[in-house]
C-alpha atoms as a PDB file:
ATOM      1  CA  MET A   1      15.346 -10.532  15.718  1.00  0.00           C
ATOM      2  CA  PRO A   2      14.096  -7.912  13.250  1.00  0.00           C
ATOM      3  CA  ARG A   3      16.376  -4.951  12.535  1.00  0.00           C
ATOM      4  CA  LEU A   4      15.590  -1.294  11.843  1.00  0.00           C
ATOM      5  CA  ALA A   5      17.189   0.421   8.846  1.00  0.00           C
ATOM      6  CA  ILE A   6      17.105   4.203   8.482  1.00  0.00           C
ATOM      7  CA  TYR A   7      17.574   5.460   4.917  1.00  0.00           C
ATOM      8  CA  GLN A   8      19.545   8.720   4.594  1.00  0.00           C
ATOM      9  CA  PRO A   9      18.013  10.422   7.652  1.00  0.00           C
ATOM     10  CA  ASP A  10      17.238  14.138   7.486  1.00  0.00           C
ATOM     11  CA  ILE A  11      16.494  15.068  11.099  1.00  0.00           C
ATOM     12  CA  PRO A  12      18.859  14.168  13.966  1.00  0.00           C
ATOM     13  CA  GLN A  13      16.075  14.324  16.560  1.00  0.00           C
ATOM     14  CA  ASN A  14      14.019  11.677  14.723  1.00  0.00           C
ATOM     15  CA  THR A  15      17.087   9.506  14.264  1.00  0.00           C
ATOM     16  CA  GLY A  16      17.934   9.851  17.955  1.00  0.00           C
ATOM     17  CA  THR A  17      14.376   8.910  18.888  1.00  0.00           C
ATOM     18  CA  MET A  18      14.548   5.795  16.708  1.00  0.00           C
ATOM     19  CA  LEU A  19      17.918   4.853  18.226  1.00  0.00           C
ATOM     20  CA  ARG A  20      16.415   5.200  21.700  1.00  0.00           C
ATOM     21  CA  LEU A  21      13.482   3.018  20.601  1.00  0.00           C
ATOM     22  CA  ALA A  22      15.894   0.407  19.245  1.00  0.00           C
ATOM     23  CA  ALA A  23      17.943   0.444  22.443  1.00  0.00           C
ATOM     24  CA  CYS A  24      14.861  -0.107  24.588  1.00  0.00           C
ATOM     25  CA  LEU A  25      13.636  -2.953  22.372  1.00  0.00           C
ATOM     26  CA  GLY A  26      17.060  -4.514  21.800  1.00  0.00           C
ATOM     27  CA  VAL A  27      16.782  -4.028  18.030  1.00  0.00           C
ATOM     28  CA  PRO A  28      19.954  -3.502  15.943  1.00  0.00           C
ATOM     29  CA  VAL A  29      19.988  -0.452  13.639  1.00  0.00           C
ATOM     30  CA  GLU A  30      21.417   0.024  10.160  1.00  0.00           C
ATOM     31  CA  ILE A  31      21.982   3.656   9.152  1.00  0.00           C
ATOM     32  CA  ILE A  32      22.222   4.092   5.389  1.00  0.00           C
ATOM     33  CA  GLU A  33      24.196   7.209   4.510  1.00  0.00           C
ATOM     34  CA  PRO A  34      24.624   9.864   3.399  1.00  0.00           C
ATOM     35  CA  ALA A  35      22.621  11.590   6.096  1.00  0.00           C
ATOM     36  CA  ALA A  36      21.636  15.252   6.005  1.00  0.00           C
ATOM     37  CA  PHE A  37      23.640  15.768   9.216  1.00  0.00           C
ATOM     38  CA  ASP A  38      26.819  14.479  10.807  1.00  0.00           C
ATOM     39  CA  VAL A  39      25.844  11.057  12.160  1.00  0.00           C
ATOM     40  CA  SER A  40      27.826  11.316  15.361  1.00  0.00           C
ATOM     41  CA  ASP A  41      27.075  10.779  19.021  1.00  0.00           C
ATOM     42  CA  ARG A  42      27.213  14.546  19.548  1.00  0.00           C
ATOM     43  CA  ASN A  43      24.374  15.199  17.101  1.00  0.00           C
ATOM     44  CA  LEU A  44      22.213  12.337  18.344  1.00  0.00           C
ATOM     45  CA  ARG A  45      22.858  12.568  22.075  1.00  0.00           C
ATOM     46  CA  ARG A  46      20.092  15.125  22.810  1.00  0.00           C
ATOM     47  CA  SER A  47      17.226  12.911  21.628  1.00  0.00           C
ATOM     48  CA  GLY A  48      18.933   9.548  22.052  1.00  0.00           C
ATOM     49  CA  MET A  49      20.217  10.559  25.495  1.00  0.00           C
ATOM     50  CA  ASP A  50      22.317   7.961  27.273  1.00  0.00           C
ATOM     51  CA  TYR A  51      20.574   5.167  25.347  1.00  0.00           C
ATOM     52  CA  LEU A  52      23.040   5.411  22.447  1.00  0.00           C
ATOM     53  CA  ASN A  53      25.498   3.244  24.348  1.00  0.00           C
ATOM     54  CA  ARG A  54      22.865   0.487  24.478  1.00  0.00           C
ATOM     55  CA  VAL A  55      22.088   0.112  20.773  1.00  0.00           C
ATOM     56  CA  ALA A  56      24.033  -1.789  18.110  1.00  0.00           C
ATOM     57  CA  ILE A  57      24.464   0.619  15.188  1.00  0.00           C
ATOM     58  CA  THR A  58      26.012  -0.243  11.835  1.00  0.00           C
ATOM     59  CA  ARG A  59      26.658   2.568   9.382  1.00  0.00           C
ATOM     60  CA  HIS A  60      26.613   1.867   5.650  1.00  0.00           C
ATOM     61  CA  ILE A  61      28.244   4.514   3.469  1.00  0.00           C
ATOM     62  CA  SER A  62      25.690   4.075   0.676  1.00  0.00           C
ATOM     63  CA  TRP A  63      22.566   2.251  -0.438  1.00  0.00           C
ATOM     64  CA  ARG A  64      24.789  -0.039  -2.533  1.00  0.00           C
ATOM     65  CA  THR A  65      26.940  -1.128   0.423  1.00  0.00           C
ATOM     66  CA  PHE A  66      23.842  -1.707   2.541  1.00  0.00           C
ATOM     67  CA  GLU A  67      22.221  -3.759  -0.198  1.00  0.00           C
ATOM     68  CA  GLU A  68      25.363  -5.888  -0.634  1.00  0.00           C
ATOM     69  CA  TRP A  69      25.445  -6.504   3.133  1.00  0.00           C
ATOM     70  CA  ARG A  70      21.723  -7.372   3.159  1.00  0.00           C
ATOM     71  CA  GLN A  71      22.066  -9.794   0.256  1.00  0.00           C
ATOM     72  CA  ASP A  72      24.926 -11.555   2.066  1.00  0.00           C
ATOM     73  CA  ALA A  73      22.806 -11.713   5.242  1.00  0.00           C
ATOM     74  CA  LYS A  74      19.867 -13.135   3.223  1.00  0.00           C
ATOM     75  CA  SER A  75      17.416 -10.861   5.051  1.00  0.00           C
ATOM     76  CA  ARG A  76      14.121  -9.656   3.642  1.00  0.00           C
ATOM     77  CA  LEU A  77      13.739  -5.909   3.221  1.00  0.00           C
ATOM     78  CA  ILE A  78      10.369  -4.630   4.457  1.00  0.00           C
ATOM     79  CA  LEU A  79       9.805  -1.049   3.312  1.00  0.00           C
ATOM     80  CA  THR A  80       7.470   1.200   5.286  1.00  0.00           C
ATOM     81  CA  THR A  81       5.805   3.508   2.791  1.00  0.00           C
ATOM     82  CA  THR A  82       2.638   5.459   2.187  1.00  0.00           C
ATOM     83  CA  LYS A  83       2.620   3.630  -1.173  1.00  0.00           C
ATOM     84  CA  GLY A  84       2.568   0.265   0.595  1.00  0.00           C
ATOM     85  CA  ALA A  85       0.660  -2.684  -0.760  1.00  0.00           C
ATOM     86  CA  VAL A  86      -0.170  -4.406   2.557  1.00  0.00           C
ATOM     87  CA  PRO A  87      -1.389  -2.972   5.887  1.00  0.00           C
ATOM     88  CA  TYR A  88       1.467  -3.527   8.358  1.00  0.00           C
ATOM     89  CA  VAL A  89      -0.692  -5.630  10.728  1.00  0.00           C
ATOM     90  CA  ASP A  90      -1.642  -8.012   7.894  1.00  0.00           C
ATOM     91  CA  PHE A  91       1.964  -8.755   6.938  1.00  0.00           C
ATOM     92  CA  ALA A  92       3.709 -11.907   8.264  1.00  0.00           C
ATOM     93  CA  TYR A  93       7.076 -10.798   9.695  1.00  0.00           C
ATOM     94  CA  GLN A  94      10.068 -13.100  10.108  1.00  0.00           C
ATOM     95  CA  PRO A  95      12.817 -12.817  12.744  1.00  0.00           C
ATOM     96  CA  ASP A  96      15.523 -11.805  10.251  1.00  0.00           C
ATOM     97  CA  ASP A  97      13.492  -9.058   8.521  1.00  0.00           C
ATOM     98  CA  ILE A  98      14.894  -5.576   8.106  1.00  0.00           C
ATOM     99  CA  ILE A  99      12.273  -2.851   8.573  1.00  0.00           C
ATOM    100  CA  LEU A 100      13.308   0.159   6.468  1.00  0.00           C
ATOM    101  CA  VAL A 101      12.067   3.717   7.037  1.00  0.00           C
ATOM    102  CA  GLY A 102      12.773   6.435   4.486  1.00  0.00           C
ATOM    103  CA  ARG A 103      13.865  10.048   4.616  1.00  0.00           C
ATOM    104  CA  GLU A 104      11.521  12.438   6.346  1.00  0.00           C
ATOM    105  CA  SER A 105      11.623  14.806   3.359  1.00  0.00           C
ATOM    106  CA  ALA A 106      11.419  12.410   0.439  1.00  0.00           C
ATOM    107  CA  GLY A 107      10.916   8.785   1.449  1.00  0.00           C
ATOM    108  CA  VAL A 108      13.066   6.487  -0.694  1.00  0.00           C
ATOM    109  CA  PRO A 109      13.842   6.441  -4.424  1.00  0.00           C
ATOM    110  CA  GLU A 110      12.306   3.975  -6.868  1.00  0.00           C
ATOM    111  CA  GLU A 111      15.464   1.828  -6.762  1.00  0.00           C
ATOM    112  CA  VAL A 112      14.803   1.129  -3.070  1.00  0.00           C
ATOM    113  CA  HIS A 113      11.117   0.396  -3.738  1.00  0.00           C
ATOM    114  CA  ARG A 114      12.171  -2.174  -6.343  1.00  0.00           C
ATOM    115  CA  ALA A 115      14.656  -3.815  -3.950  1.00  0.00           C
ATOM    116  CA  ALA A 116      12.052  -4.269  -1.195  1.00  0.00           C
ATOM    117  CA  ASP A 117      10.681  -7.753  -0.643  1.00  0.00           C
ATOM    118  CA  ALA A 118       7.487  -6.195   0.737  1.00  0.00           C
ATOM    119  CA  ARG A 119       6.002  -2.717   1.122  1.00  0.00           C
ATOM    120  CA  VAL A 120       3.819  -2.145   4.167  1.00  0.00           C
ATOM    121  CA  VAL A 121       1.611   0.799   5.019  1.00  0.00           C
ATOM    122  CA  ILE A 122      -0.010   2.139   8.173  1.00  0.00           C
ATOM    123  CA  PRO A 123      -3.679   2.764   7.291  1.00  0.00           C
ATOM    124  CA  MET A 124      -4.640   6.381   8.002  1.00  0.00           C
ATOM    125  CA  GLN A 125      -7.527   8.778   7.645  1.00  0.00           C
ATOM    126  CA  PRO A 126      -8.053  10.035   4.066  1.00  0.00           C
ATOM    127  CA  GLY A 127      -6.345  13.298   3.158  1.00  0.00           C
ATOM    128  CA  LEU A 128      -3.432  12.943   5.602  1.00  0.00           C
ATOM    129  CA  ARG A 129       0.084  12.419   4.213  1.00  0.00           C
ATOM    130  CA  SER A 130       2.057  10.456   6.760  1.00  0.00           C
ATOM    131  CA  LEU A 131       3.064   9.871  10.358  1.00  0.00           C
ATOM    132  CA  ASN A 132       6.356  10.973  11.869  1.00  0.00           C
ATOM    133  CA  VAL A 133       9.068   8.501  10.839  1.00  0.00           C
ATOM    134  CA  ALA A 134       9.883   7.600  14.460  1.00  0.00           C
ATOM    135  CA  VAL A 135       6.210   6.874  15.187  1.00  0.00           C
ATOM    136  CA  THR A 136       6.069   4.722  12.056  1.00  0.00           C
ATOM    137  CA  ALA A 137       9.176   2.808  13.136  1.00  0.00           C
ATOM    138  CA  ALA A 138       7.715   2.224  16.611  1.00  0.00           C
ATOM    139  CA  MET A 139       4.391   0.924  15.331  1.00  0.00           C
ATOM    140  CA  ILE A 140       5.828  -1.424  12.737  1.00  0.00           C
ATOM    141  CA  LEU A 141       8.710  -2.673  14.886  1.00  0.00           C
ATOM    142  CA  GLY A 142       6.239  -3.351  17.683  1.00  0.00           C
ATOM    143  CA  GLU A 143       4.116  -5.494  15.388  1.00  0.00           C
ATOM    144  CA  ALA A 144       7.161  -7.309  13.978  1.00  0.00           C
ATOM    145  CA  LEU A 145       8.463  -8.061  17.496  1.00  0.00           C
ATOM    146  CA  ARG A 146       5.016  -9.218  18.614  1.00  0.00           C
ATOM    147  CA  GLN A 147       4.625 -11.566  15.680  1.00  0.00           C
ATOM    148  CA  THR A 148       8.135 -13.004  15.983  1.00  0.00           C
ATOM    149  CA  ASN A 149       7.943 -13.227  19.776  1.00  0.00           C
ATOM    150  CA  THR A 150      11.210 -11.299  20.113  1.00  0.00           C
ATOM    151  CA  PHE A 151      10.224  -8.529  22.536  1.00  0.00           C
ATOM    152  CA  PRO A 152      12.682  -8.265  25.430  1.00  0.00           C
ATOM    153  CA  GLN A 153      11.587 -10.014  28.603  1.00  0.00           C
ATOM    154  CA  ALA A 154       9.897  -7.420  30.797  1.00  0.00           C
ATOM    155  CA  THR A 155      11.006  -6.902  34.351  1.00  0.00           C
ATOM    156  CA  LEU A 156       7.891  -5.807  36.170  1.00  0.00           C
ATOM    157  CA  PRO A 157       8.149  -3.689  39.307  1.00  0.00           C
ATOM    158  CA  GLU A 158       7.110  -5.322  42.532  1.00  0.00           C
ATOM    159  CA  THR A 159       3.763  -4.161  43.907  1.00  0.00           C
END
């Protein structure tokens, strides 16, 4: 199943929202530090609520340690970026892809751009900079799960 990677997050509320998203979708999360805040349950609990206990989180102390882990795992790195080369719905996702979102304040450095196997973009109206990082993660993860047929099985309420 695809994974979500969060590069040096700036805002605990956005990170908590993405962790809640990952819990609901059953998607593992890689947090690449350093973060701009203490990455602890206490700081994420408000937006992640009680969902934090339902998500598999791996913390990497640096970009280098994450990249070593990724190379060992032989997973493609799919960078979400406003400088993307391919609209996210036109990209062919694979089950072992890692979808990477950047910092809210600065995106990712050139080194990360170079390491990416693909750079995808969400097409937007001209003159607008970007979507919220949690919204971006939701849209792109949703498409990756749809394409790889790895959405959790829905339990529908009885009518």
